[in-house]
Amino acid sequence: MNTHPKILVVGSFVMDTITSTEVFPAAGQTVLGYHYTTAPGGKGANQAMEAALLGAEVTMVGKVGTDAFGGRMIASLKSAGVNVSHVFRTDDGTSSGIGNVMITTQDGKALNNRIIVIPGANHKLTVDEVAFLENTIEDYDMVMLQFEIPMEVNCAVAEYAYRKKVPVMLNPAPIAQIPEDLMKNITYLSPNETEAAELLNCFVRNENEPVGEQAVEEIKKAMKNKGLKKLLLTLGDAGAMMIEGEKALLIPGVQGIAAVDPTAAGDSFVGAFCTAKVAGLTDAEAIS
């Protein structure tokens, strides 16, 4: 077992501004909320934080503004032990990324969320700024990517990793079509069921129903056509499924636990899975 797993996260920083309410407002409607807070987030930073908290040695590469939010987000990761020496800051006045999060709750239980992300500095990260990774990426056991930074940066980093035989986890959110030169260089794709249906152009399941055998076969065909090696499909309360070649493994969700807040649950799961994999666990063990 690898007792000192090293993970590289190239991704986003987003300061979440979070409002809790009982119902989402309809178009043109104003509703009352009852709680507001801010919290460092962003898919990349969330995944880096989770991996670090679980004991991985994590390096984060990304970009923030020169504003107070940027400083706070860097400090948050640093306090968790993440190496932030390769986090860049804008020099043109572009602000840090912002996420406007609305959460509905009932009887103290979080139900759903809706999120609008303003990328800000995240979209200013360039291929030139990550080019140093071409010569250092082999130092890592896993690379984690997401879609809140420019696609060309993801493509470049995935190619560096592929050349050095370092596995790559791509979390394709927010949803976007995956270029062929990125797909061929990733090891794992980790969408939720909505993202998977769009990216693979196939049916996954009806709400509150299991993923059927026919759906699994269609997913396998779509993966083969796109050259996708491994699909880690998250299914909310129903758990997660790993599909590789002709194999499909379903790990049911944990029952009897009330979710406090679903925000970033997917990021936490992916961060935990990658940490477990590079530590030497099997797919089933890592998902669990």
C-alpha atoms as a PDB file:
ATOM      1  CA  MET A   1       0.000   0.000   0.000  1.00  0.00           C
ATOM      2  CA  ASN A   2       1.218   3.507  -0.875  1.00  0.00           C
ATOM      3  CA  THR A   3       1.385   5.303   2.475  1.00  0.00           C
ATOM      4  CA  HIS A   4       2.351   8.652   0.936  1.00  0.00           C
ATOM      5  CA  PRO A   5       0.121   9.100  -2.122  1.00  0.00           C
ATOM      6  CA  LYS A   6       0.844  12.223  -4.159  1.00  0.00           C
ATOM      7  CA  ILE A   7      -1.987  13.874  -6.059  1.00  0.00           C
ATOM      8  CA  LEU A   8      -1.867  16.815  -8.458  1.00  0.00           C
ATOM      9  CA  VAL A   9      -5.048  18.851  -8.861  1.00  0.00           C
ATOM     10  CA  VAL A  10      -5.217  21.341 -11.717  1.00  0.00           C
ATOM     11  CA  GLY A  11      -8.471  23.182 -11.366  1.00  0.00           C
ATOM     12  CA  SER A  12     -10.657  25.920 -10.057  1.00  0.00           C
ATOM     13  CA  PHE A  13     -11.024  28.152  -7.051  1.00  0.00           C
ATOM     14  CA  VAL A  14     -14.517  29.520  -6.433  1.00  0.00           C
ATOM     15  CA  MET A  15     -15.736  31.451  -3.411  1.00  0.00           C
ATOM     16  CA  ASP A  16     -19.230  30.137  -2.726  1.00  0.00           C
ATOM     17  CA  THR A  17     -21.869  32.579  -1.531  1.00  0.00           C
ATOM     18  CA  ILE A  18     -24.522  30.300  -0.051  1.00  0.00           C
ATOM     19  CA  THR A  19     -28.165  31.117   0.618  1.00  0.00           C
ATOM     20  CA  SER A  20     -30.562  28.694   2.326  1.00  0.00           C
ATOM     21  CA  THR A  21     -34.287  28.886   1.626  1.00  0.00           C
ATOM     22  CA  GLU A  22     -37.356  26.667   1.780  1.00  0.00           C
ATOM     23  CA  VAL A  23     -38.251  27.065  -1.905  1.00  0.00           C
ATOM     24  CA  PHE A  24     -36.431  28.251  -5.005  1.00  0.00           C
ATOM     25  CA  PRO A  25     -37.905  31.473  -6.431  1.00  0.00           C
ATOM     26  CA  ALA A  26     -39.775  31.187  -9.710  1.00  0.00           C
ATOM     27  CA  ALA A  27     -39.045  33.634 -12.523  1.00  0.00           C
ATOM     28  CA  GLY A  28     -39.861  37.138 -11.311  1.00  0.00           C
ATOM     29  CA  GLN A  29     -40.539  35.943  -7.760  1.00  0.00           C
ATOM     30  CA  THR A  30     -38.866  37.014  -4.511  1.00  0.00           C
ATOM     31  CA  VAL A  31     -38.711  34.599  -1.584  1.00  0.00           C
ATOM     32  CA  LEU A  32     -37.266  34.887   1.893  1.00  0.00           C
ATOM     33  CA  GLY A  33     -34.146  32.982   2.842  1.00  0.00           C
ATOM     34  CA  TYR A  34     -33.036  32.318   6.388  1.00  0.00           C
ATOM     35  CA  HIS A  35     -29.272  31.813   6.264  1.00  0.00           C
ATOM     36  CA  TYR A  36     -26.337  33.215   4.288  1.00  0.00           C
ATOM     37  CA  THR A  37     -22.638  32.435   4.415  1.00  0.00           C
ATOM     38  CA  THR A  38     -19.516  32.330   2.275  1.00  0.00           C
ATOM     39  CA  ALA A  39     -17.182  29.357   1.918  1.00  0.00           C
ATOM     40  CA  PRO A  40     -14.084  28.595  -0.173  1.00  0.00           C
ATOM     41  CA  GLY A  41     -14.914  26.161  -2.954  1.00  0.00           C
ATOM     42  CA  GLY A  42     -14.477  25.432  -6.626  1.00  0.00           C
ATOM     43  CA  LYS A  43     -14.386  21.900  -7.985  1.00  0.00           C
ATOM     44  CA  GLY A  44     -10.610  21.773  -8.068  1.00  0.00           C
ATOM     45  CA  ALA A  45     -10.118  23.229  -4.604  1.00  0.00           C
ATOM     46  CA  ASN A  46     -12.865  21.020  -3.149  1.00  0.00           C
ATOM     47  CA  GLN A  47     -11.245  17.882  -4.523  1.00  0.00           C
ATOM     48  CA  ALA A  48      -7.795  18.974  -3.365  1.00  0.00           C
ATOM     49  CA  MET A  49      -9.118  19.674   0.123  1.00  0.00           C
ATOM     50  CA  GLU A  50     -10.795  16.265   0.393  1.00  0.00           C
ATOM     51  CA  ALA A  51      -7.691  14.407  -0.754  1.00  0.00           C
ATOM     52  CA  ALA A  52      -5.498  16.334   1.689  1.00  0.00           C
ATOM     53  CA  LEU A  53      -7.853  15.730   4.606  1.00  0.00           C
ATOM     54  CA  LEU A  54      -7.673  12.005   3.847  1.00  0.00           C
ATOM     55  CA  GLY A  55      -3.892  12.008   4.028  1.00  0.00           C
ATOM     56  CA  ALA A  56      -2.705  12.518   0.461  1.00  0.00           C
ATOM     57  CA  GLU A  57       0.170  14.854  -0.362  1.00  0.00           C
ATOM     58  CA  VAL A  58      -1.638  17.304  -2.637  1.00  0.00           C
ATOM     59  CA  THR A  59      -0.389  20.031  -4.958  1.00  0.00           C
ATOM     60  CA  MET A  60      -2.915  22.517  -6.347  1.00  0.00           C
ATOM     61  CA  VAL A  61      -2.408  24.452  -9.574  1.00  0.00           C
ATOM     62  CA  GLY A  62      -4.914  27.177 -10.418  1.00  0.00           C
ATOM     63  CA  LYS A  63      -5.531  30.909 -10.512  1.00  0.00           C
ATOM     64  CA  VAL A  64      -7.259  33.454  -8.281  1.00  0.00           C
ATOM     65  CA  GLY A  65      -7.643  37.217  -8.263  1.00  0.00           C
ATOM     66  CA  THR A  66      -5.701  39.676  -6.147  1.00  0.00           C
ATOM     67  CA  ASP A  67      -8.859  40.295  -4.100  1.00  0.00           C
ATOM     68  CA  ALA A  68      -9.584  39.207  -0.532  1.00  0.00           C
ATOM     69  CA  PHE A  69     -11.495  36.139  -1.722  1.00  0.00           C
ATOM     70  CA  GLY A  70      -8.391  34.942  -3.574  1.00  0.00           C
ATOM     71  CA  GLY A  71      -6.224  35.253  -0.492  1.00  0.00           C
ATOM     72  CA  ARG A  72      -8.795  33.500   1.649  1.00  0.00           C
ATOM     73  CA  MET A  73      -9.100  30.556  -0.738  1.00  0.00           C
ATOM     74  CA  ILE A  74      -5.340  30.064  -0.916  1.00  0.00           C
ATOM     75  CA  ALA A  75      -5.096  30.226   2.881  1.00  0.00           C
ATOM     76  CA  SER A  76      -7.883  27.671   3.255  1.00  0.00           C
ATOM     77  CA  LEU A  77      -6.057  25.046   1.206  1.00  0.00           C
ATOM     78  CA  LYS A  78      -2.714  25.853   2.776  1.00  0.00           C
ATOM     79  CA  SER A  79      -4.177  25.309   6.244  1.00  0.00           C
ATOM     80  CA  ALA A  80      -5.198  21.789   5.153  1.00  0.00           C
ATOM     81  CA  GLY A  81      -1.648  21.007   4.073  1.00  0.00           C
ATOM     82  CA  VAL A  82      -2.091  21.515   0.325  1.00  0.00           C
ATOM     83  CA  ASN A  83       0.949  22.803  -1.580  1.00  0.00           C
ATOM     84  CA  VAL A  84      -0.230  26.126  -3.045  1.00  0.00           C
ATOM     85  CA  SER A  85       3.120  27.341  -4.379  1.00  0.00           C
ATOM     86  CA  HIS A  86       1.826  27.005  -7.951  1.00  0.00           C
ATOM     87  CA  VAL A  87      -1.384  28.972  -7.483  1.00  0.00           C
ATOM     88  CA  PHE A  88      -1.206  32.032  -9.727  1.00  0.00           C
ATOM     89  CA  ARG A  89      -2.860  35.414  -9.227  1.00  0.00           C
ATOM     90  CA  THR A  90      -4.230  37.676 -11.954  1.00  0.00           C
ATOM     91  CA  ASP A  91      -2.459  40.893 -12.889  1.00  0.00           C
ATOM     92  CA  ASP A  92      -5.263  42.467 -14.919  1.00  0.00           C
ATOM     93  CA  GLY A  93      -7.883  43.093 -12.243  1.00  0.00           C
ATOM     94  CA  THR A  94      -9.923  39.956 -12.969  1.00  0.00           C
ATOM     95  CA  SER A  95     -11.671  38.851  -9.801  1.00  0.00           C
ATOM     96  CA  SER A  96     -11.537  35.432  -8.208  1.00  0.00           C
ATOM     97  CA  GLY A  97     -14.203  32.937  -9.238  1.00  0.00           C
ATOM     98  CA  ILE A  98     -17.573  33.258  -7.516  1.00  0.00           C
ATOM     99  CA  GLY A  99     -20.320  30.667  -7.065  1.00  0.00           C
ATOM    100  CA  ASN A 100     -23.856  31.751  -6.218  1.00  0.00           C
ATOM    101  CA  VAL A 101     -25.365  28.749  -4.418  1.00  0.00           C
ATOM    102  CA  MET A 102     -29.015  28.386  -3.422  1.00  0.00           C
ATOM    103  CA  ILE A 103     -29.982  25.473  -1.179  1.00  0.00           C
ATOM    104  CA  THR A 104     -33.497  24.357  -0.297  1.00  0.00           C
ATOM    105  CA  THR A 105     -34.013  22.707   3.075  1.00  0.00           C
ATOM    106  CA  GLN A 106     -36.919  21.159   4.938  1.00  0.00           C
ATOM    107  CA  ASP A 107     -36.937  20.183   8.615  1.00  0.00           C
ATOM    108  CA  GLY A 108     -33.215  20.843   8.751  1.00  0.00           C
ATOM    109  CA  LYS A 109     -32.446  18.550   5.813  1.00  0.00           C
ATOM    110  CA  ALA A 110     -30.913  19.828   2.590  1.00  0.00           C
ATOM    111  CA  LEU A 111     -32.978  18.886  -0.459  1.00  0.00           C
ATOM    112  CA  ASN A 112     -31.538  20.436  -3.609  1.00  0.00           C
ATOM    113  CA  ASN A 113     -29.146  23.090  -4.802  1.00  0.00           C
ATOM    114  CA  ARG A 114     -28.799  25.406  -7.777  1.00  0.00           C
ATOM    115  CA  ILE A 115     -25.469  26.992  -8.604  1.00  0.00           C
ATOM    116  CA  ILE A 116     -24.321  29.773 -10.935  1.00  0.00           C
ATOM    117  CA  VAL A 117     -20.544  30.028 -11.327  1.00  0.00           C
ATOM    118  CA  ILE A 118     -18.744  33.172 -12.469  1.00  0.00           C
ATOM    119  CA  PRO A 119     -15.334  31.788 -13.542  1.00  0.00           C
ATOM    120  CA  GLY A 120     -13.311  34.975 -13.130  1.00  0.00           C
ATOM    121  CA  ALA A 121      -9.602  34.224 -12.687  1.00  0.00           C
ATOM    122  CA  ASN A 122     -10.099  30.511 -13.367  1.00  0.00           C
ATOM    123  CA  HIS A 123     -10.522  31.230 -17.069  1.00  0.00           C
ATOM    124  CA  LYS A 124      -7.283  33.213 -17.085  1.00  0.00           C
ATOM    125  CA  LEU A 125      -5.129  30.154 -16.353  1.00  0.00           C
ATOM    126  CA  THR A 126      -2.957  29.500 -19.425  1.00  0.00           C
ATOM    127  CA  VAL A 127      -1.109  26.580 -20.993  1.00  0.00           C
ATOM    128  CA  ASP A 128       2.152  28.497 -20.570  1.00  0.00           C
ATOM    129  CA  GLU A 129       1.545  28.710 -16.815  1.00  0.00           C
ATOM    130  CA  VAL A 130       1.126  24.946 -16.473  1.00  0.00           C
ATOM    131  CA  ALA A 131       3.913  24.022 -18.915  1.00  0.00           C
ATOM    132  CA  PHE A 132       6.306  23.371 -16.005  1.00  0.00           C
ATOM    133  CA  LEU A 133       4.253  20.251 -15.262  1.00  0.00           C
ATOM    134  CA  GLU A 134       5.589  18.560 -18.387  1.00  0.00           C
ATOM    135  CA  ASN A 135       8.831  17.890 -16.508  1.00  0.00           C
ATOM    136  CA  THR A 136       7.413  17.301 -13.015  1.00  0.00           C
ATOM    137  CA  ILE A 137       4.125  15.466 -13.512  1.00  0.00           C
ATOM    138  CA  GLU A 138       5.777  12.060 -13.160  1.00  0.00           C
ATOM    139  CA  ASP A 139       6.289  12.877  -9.465  1.00  0.00           C
ATOM    140  CA  TYR A 140       2.559  12.315  -8.863  1.00  0.00           C
ATOM    141  CA  ASP A 141       0.462   9.173  -8.525  1.00  0.00           C
ATOM    142  CA  MET A 142      -2.752  10.747  -9.876  1.00  0.00           C
ATOM    143  CA  VAL A 143      -3.832  13.894 -11.724  1.00  0.00           C
ATOM    144  CA  MET A 144      -7.297  15.373 -11.191  1.00  0.00           C
ATOM    145  CA  LEU A 145      -8.991  17.705 -13.696  1.00  0.00           C
ATOM    146  CA  GLN A 146     -12.390  19.413 -14.028  1.00  0.00           C
ATOM    147  CA  PHE A 147     -14.152  21.769 -16.443  1.00  0.00           C
ATOM    148  CA  GLU A 148     -14.025  25.066 -14.528  1.00  0.00           C
ATOM    149  CA  ILE A 149     -10.703  25.995 -16.173  1.00  0.00           C
ATOM    150  CA  PRO A 150      -9.902  26.464 -19.898  1.00  0.00           C
ATOM    151  CA  MET A 151     -10.229  23.282 -21.949  1.00  0.00           C
ATOM    152  CA  GLU A 152      -6.820  23.787 -23.545  1.00  0.00           C
ATOM    153  CA  VAL A 153      -5.212  23.662 -20.102  1.00  0.00           C
ATOM    154  CA  ASN A 154      -6.934  20.359 -19.342  1.00  0.00           C
ATOM    155  CA  CYS A 155      -5.807  18.969 -22.698  1.00  0.00           C
ATOM    156  CA  ALA A 156      -2.193  19.978 -22.118  1.00  0.00           C
ATOM    157  CA  VAL A 157      -2.002  18.580 -18.580  1.00  0.00           C
ATOM    158  CA  ALA A 158      -3.684  15.304 -19.568  1.00  0.00           C
ATOM    159  CA  GLU A 159      -1.182  14.873 -22.388  1.00  0.00           C
ATOM    160  CA  TYR A 160       1.752  15.477 -20.036  1.00  0.00           C
ATOM    161  CA  ALA A 161       0.339  12.860 -17.674  1.00  0.00           C
ATOM    162  CA  TYR A 162      -0.348  10.321 -20.405  1.00  0.00           C
ATOM    163  CA  ARG A 163       3.215  10.543 -21.693  1.00  0.00           C
ATOM    164  CA  LYS A 164       4.522   9.778 -18.205  1.00  0.00           C
ATOM    165  CA  LYS A 165       1.924   7.046 -17.558  1.00  0.00           C
ATOM    166  CA  VAL A 166       0.288   8.956 -14.702  1.00  0.00           C
ATOM    167  CA  PRO A 167      -3.460   8.177 -14.374  1.00  0.00           C
ATOM    168  CA  VAL A 168      -5.873  11.054 -14.938  1.00  0.00           C
ATOM    169  CA  MET A 169      -9.293  11.546 -13.336  1.00  0.00           C
ATOM    170  CA  LEU A 170     -11.566  13.930 -15.244  1.00  0.00           C
ATOM    171  CA  ASN A 171     -14.683  15.240 -13.519  1.00  0.00           C
ATOM    172  CA  PRO A 172     -16.666  16.707 -16.467  1.00  0.00           C
ATOM    173  CA  ALA A 173     -18.521  19.498 -14.711  1.00  0.00           C
ATOM    174  CA  PRO A 174     -19.876  21.936 -15.572  1.00  0.00           C
ATOM    175  CA  ILE A 175     -20.932  19.847 -18.549  1.00  0.00           C
ATOM    176  CA  ALA A 176     -19.066  20.352 -21.828  1.00  0.00           C
ATOM    177  CA  GLN A 177     -18.220  18.108 -24.744  1.00  0.00           C
ATOM    178  CA  ILE A 178     -14.875  16.380 -24.323  1.00  0.00           C
ATOM    179  CA  PRO A 179     -12.364  16.881 -27.152  1.00  0.00           C
ATOM    180  CA  GLU A 180     -10.929  13.678 -28.623  1.00  0.00           C
ATOM    181  CA  ASP A 181      -7.381  14.672 -27.709  1.00  0.00           C
ATOM    182  CA  LEU A 182      -8.471  14.934 -24.071  1.00  0.00           C
ATOM    183  CA  MET A 183     -10.594  11.776 -23.964  1.00  0.00           C
ATOM    184  CA  LYS A 184      -7.748   9.603 -25.266  1.00  0.00           C
ATOM    185  CA  ASN A 185      -5.451  10.741 -22.453  1.00  0.00           C
ATOM    186  CA  ILE A 186      -7.708  10.270 -19.420  1.00  0.00           C
ATOM    187  CA  THR A 187      -7.993   7.139 -17.295  1.00  0.00           C
ATOM    188  CA  TYR A 188     -11.216   7.826 -15.392  1.00  0.00           C
ATOM    189  CA  LEU A 189     -14.264   9.888 -16.286  1.00  0.00           C
ATOM    190  CA  SER A 190     -16.486  10.685 -13.296  1.00  0.00           C
ATOM    191  CA  PRO A 191     -19.820  12.236 -14.319  1.00  0.00           C
ATOM    192  CA  ASN A 192     -23.123  12.169 -12.520  1.00  0.00           C
ATOM    193  CA  GLU A 193     -25.976  10.455 -14.331  1.00  0.00           C
ATOM    194  CA  THR A 194     -27.207  13.633 -16.047  1.00  0.00           C
ATOM    195  CA  GLU A 195     -23.732  14.442 -17.339  1.00  0.00           C
ATOM    196  CA  ALA A 196     -23.172  10.834 -18.421  1.00  0.00           C
ATOM    197  CA  ALA A 197     -26.403  10.765 -20.423  1.00  0.00           C
ATOM    198  CA  GLU A 198     -25.372  13.885 -22.340  1.00  0.00           C
ATOM    199  CA  LEU A 199     -21.702  13.039 -22.818  1.00  0.00           C
ATOM    200  CA  LEU A 200     -22.317   9.460 -23.913  1.00  0.00           C
ATOM    201  CA  ASN A 201     -25.643  10.182 -25.637  1.00  0.00           C
ATOM    202  CA  CYS A 202     -27.367   7.277 -23.947  1.00  0.00           C
ATOM    203  CA  PHE A 203     -30.070   6.591 -21.377  1.00  0.00           C
ATOM    204  CA  VAL A 204     -28.896   5.924 -17.796  1.00  0.00           C
ATOM    205  CA  ARG A 205     -31.992   5.357 -15.644  1.00  0.00           C
ATOM    206  CA  ASN A 206     -35.399   6.679 -14.662  1.00  0.00           C
ATOM    207  CA  GLU A 207     -35.647   8.625 -11.422  1.00  0.00           C
ATOM    208  CA  ASN A 208     -35.664   6.415  -8.301  1.00  0.00           C
ATOM    209  CA  GLU A 209     -35.023   3.299 -10.386  1.00  0.00           C
ATOM    210  CA  PRO A 210     -31.828   1.220 -10.681  1.00  0.00           C
ATOM    211  CA  VAL A 211     -29.579   1.299 -13.727  1.00  0.00           C
ATOM    212  CA  GLY A 212     -30.893  -1.530 -15.902  1.00  0.00           C
ATOM    213  CA  GLU A 213     -28.851  -4.149 -17.756  1.00  0.00           C
ATOM    214  CA  GLN A 214     -29.798  -2.693 -21.134  1.00  0.00           C
ATOM    215  CA  ALA A 215     -28.660   0.765 -20.049  1.00  0.00           C
ATOM    216  CA  VAL A 216     -25.344  -0.662 -18.845  1.00  0.00           C
ATOM    217  CA  GLU A 217     -24.796  -2.348 -22.218  1.00  0.00           C
ATOM    218  CA  GLU A 218     -25.555   0.899 -24.058  1.00  0.00           C
ATOM    219  CA  ILE A 219     -23.124   2.759 -21.814  1.00  0.00           C
ATOM    220  CA  LYS A 220     -20.420   0.166 -22.544  1.00  0.00           C
ATOM    221  CA  LYS A 221     -20.945   0.610 -26.293  1.00  0.00           C
ATOM    222  CA  ALA A 222     -20.770   4.388 -25.993  1.00  0.00           C
ATOM    223  CA  MET A 223     -17.580   4.144 -23.934  1.00  0.00           C
ATOM    224  CA  LYS A 224     -15.982   1.900 -26.539  1.00  0.00           C
ATOM    225  CA  ASN A 225     -16.951   4.259 -29.362  1.00  0.00           C
ATOM    226  CA  LYS A 226     -15.409   7.207 -27.536  1.00  0.00           C
ATOM    227  CA  GLY A 227     -12.304   5.361 -26.390  1.00  0.00           C
ATOM    228  CA  LEU A 228     -13.161   5.816 -22.715  1.00  0.00           C
ATOM    229  CA  LYS A 229     -11.302   3.427 -20.416  1.00  0.00           C
ATOM    230  CA  LYS A 230     -13.103   3.689 -17.070  1.00  0.00           C
ATOM    231  CA  LEU A 231     -16.390   5.342 -16.112  1.00  0.00           C
ATOM    232  CA  LEU A 232     -17.046   6.184 -12.465  1.00  0.00           C
ATOM    233  CA  LEU A 233     -20.747   7.034 -12.530  1.00  0.00           C
ATOM    234  CA  THR A 234     -22.260   8.709  -9.475  1.00  0.00           C
ATOM    235  CA  LEU A 235     -25.946   7.989  -8.828  1.00  0.00           C
ATOM    236  CA  GLY A 236     -26.830  10.183  -5.860  1.00  0.00           C
ATOM    237  CA  ASP A 237     -28.537   8.237  -3.075  1.00  0.00           C
ATOM    238  CA  ALA A 238     -28.301   5.072  -5.182  1.00  0.00           C
ATOM    239  CA  GLY A 239     -24.509   4.958  -4.880  1.00  0.00           C
ATOM    240  CA  ALA A 240     -21.947   4.721  -7.671  1.00  0.00           C
ATOM    241  CA  MET A 241     -21.050   2.419 -10.533  1.00  0.00           C
ATOM    242  CA  MET A 242     -17.675   1.628 -12.103  1.00  0.00           C
ATOM    243  CA  ILE A 243     -17.752   0.420 -15.703  1.00  0.00           C
ATOM    244  CA  GLU A 244     -14.591  -0.842 -17.392  1.00  0.00           C
ATOM    245  CA  GLY A 245     -14.618  -2.954 -20.541  1.00  0.00           C
ATOM    246  CA  GLU A 246     -17.261  -5.631 -20.006  1.00  0.00           C
ATOM    247  CA  LYS A 247     -17.278  -5.247 -16.223  1.00  0.00           C
ATOM    248  CA  ALA A 248     -19.816  -3.181 -14.284  1.00  0.00           C
ATOM    249  CA  LEU A 249     -19.612  -2.793 -10.519  1.00  0.00           C
ATOM    250  CA  LEU A 250     -22.406  -1.140  -8.502  1.00  0.00           C
ATOM    251  CA  ILE A 251     -21.746  -0.020  -4.941  1.00  0.00           C
ATOM    252  CA  PRO A 252     -25.058   1.019  -3.272  1.00  0.00           C
ATOM    253  CA  GLY A 253     -25.282   4.279  -1.370  1.00  0.00           C
ATOM    254  CA  VAL A 254     -25.053   4.305   2.410  1.00  0.00           C
ATOM    255  CA  GLN A 255     -28.539   4.229   3.922  1.00  0.00           C
ATOM    256  CA  GLY A 256     -29.859   5.896   7.064  1.00  0.00           C
ATOM    257  CA  ILE A 257     -27.794   9.070   6.814  1.00  0.00           C
ATOM    258  CA  ALA A 258     -29.526  12.437   6.353  1.00  0.00           C
ATOM    259  CA  ALA A 259     -27.561  14.747   4.067  1.00  0.00           C
ATOM    260  CA  VAL A 260     -26.864  18.086   5.702  1.00  0.00           C
ATOM    261  CA  ASP A 261     -25.888  19.789   2.437  1.00  0.00           C
ATOM    262  CA  PRO A 262     -25.427  18.183  -1.012  1.00  0.00           C
ATOM    263  CA  THR A 263     -23.146  20.983  -2.247  1.00  0.00           C
ATOM    264  CA  ALA A 264     -19.744  19.579  -3.318  1.00  0.00           C
ATOM    265  CA  ALA A 265     -20.740  16.000  -2.449  1.00  0.00           C
ATOM    266  CA  GLY A 266     -19.535  14.878  -5.870  1.00  0.00           C
ATOM    267  CA  ASP A 267     -16.210  16.663  -5.414  1.00  0.00           C
ATOM    268  CA  SER A 268     -15.693  15.037  -2.029  1.00  0.00           C
ATOM    269  CA  PHE A 269     -16.478  11.623  -3.482  1.00  0.00           C
ATOM    270  CA  VAL A 270     -14.039  11.997  -6.372  1.00  0.00           C
ATOM    271  CA  GLY A 271     -11.310  13.309  -4.078  1.00  0.00           C
ATOM    272  CA  ALA A 272     -11.810  10.389  -1.713  1.00  0.00           C
ATOM    273  CA  PHE A 273     -11.883   7.839  -4.542  1.00  0.00           C
ATOM    274  CA  CYS A 274      -8.620   9.083  -6.052  1.00  0.00           C
ATOM    275  CA  THR A 275      -6.905   9.133  -2.662  1.00  0.00           C
ATOM    276  CA  ALA A 276      -7.999   5.567  -1.998  1.00  0.00           C
ATOM    277  CA  LYS A 277      -6.917   4.359  -5.444  1.00  0.00           C
ATOM    278  CA  VAL A 278      -3.400   5.773  -5.241  1.00  0.00           C
ATOM    279  CA  ALA A 279      -3.127   4.321  -1.735  1.00  0.00           C
ATOM    280  CA  GLY A 280      -3.587   0.885  -3.312  1.00  0.00           C
ATOM    281  CA  LEU A 281      -7.263   0.054  -2.780  1.00  0.00           C
ATOM    282  CA  THR A 282      -9.385  -1.771  -5.345  1.00  0.00           C
ATOM    283  CA  ASP A 283     -12.158   0.015  -7.242  1.00  0.00           C
ATOM    284  CA  ALA A 284     -14.813  -1.458  -4.940  1.00  0.00           C
ATOM    285  CA  GLU A 285     -12.879  -0.495  -1.824  1.00  0.00           C
ATOM    286  CA  ALA A 286     -12.202   3.006  -3.141  1.00  0.00           C
ATOM    287  CA  ILE A 287     -15.857   3.609  -4.006  1.00  0.00           C
ATOM    288  CA  SER A 288     -16.979   2.372  -0.602  1.00  0.00           C
END
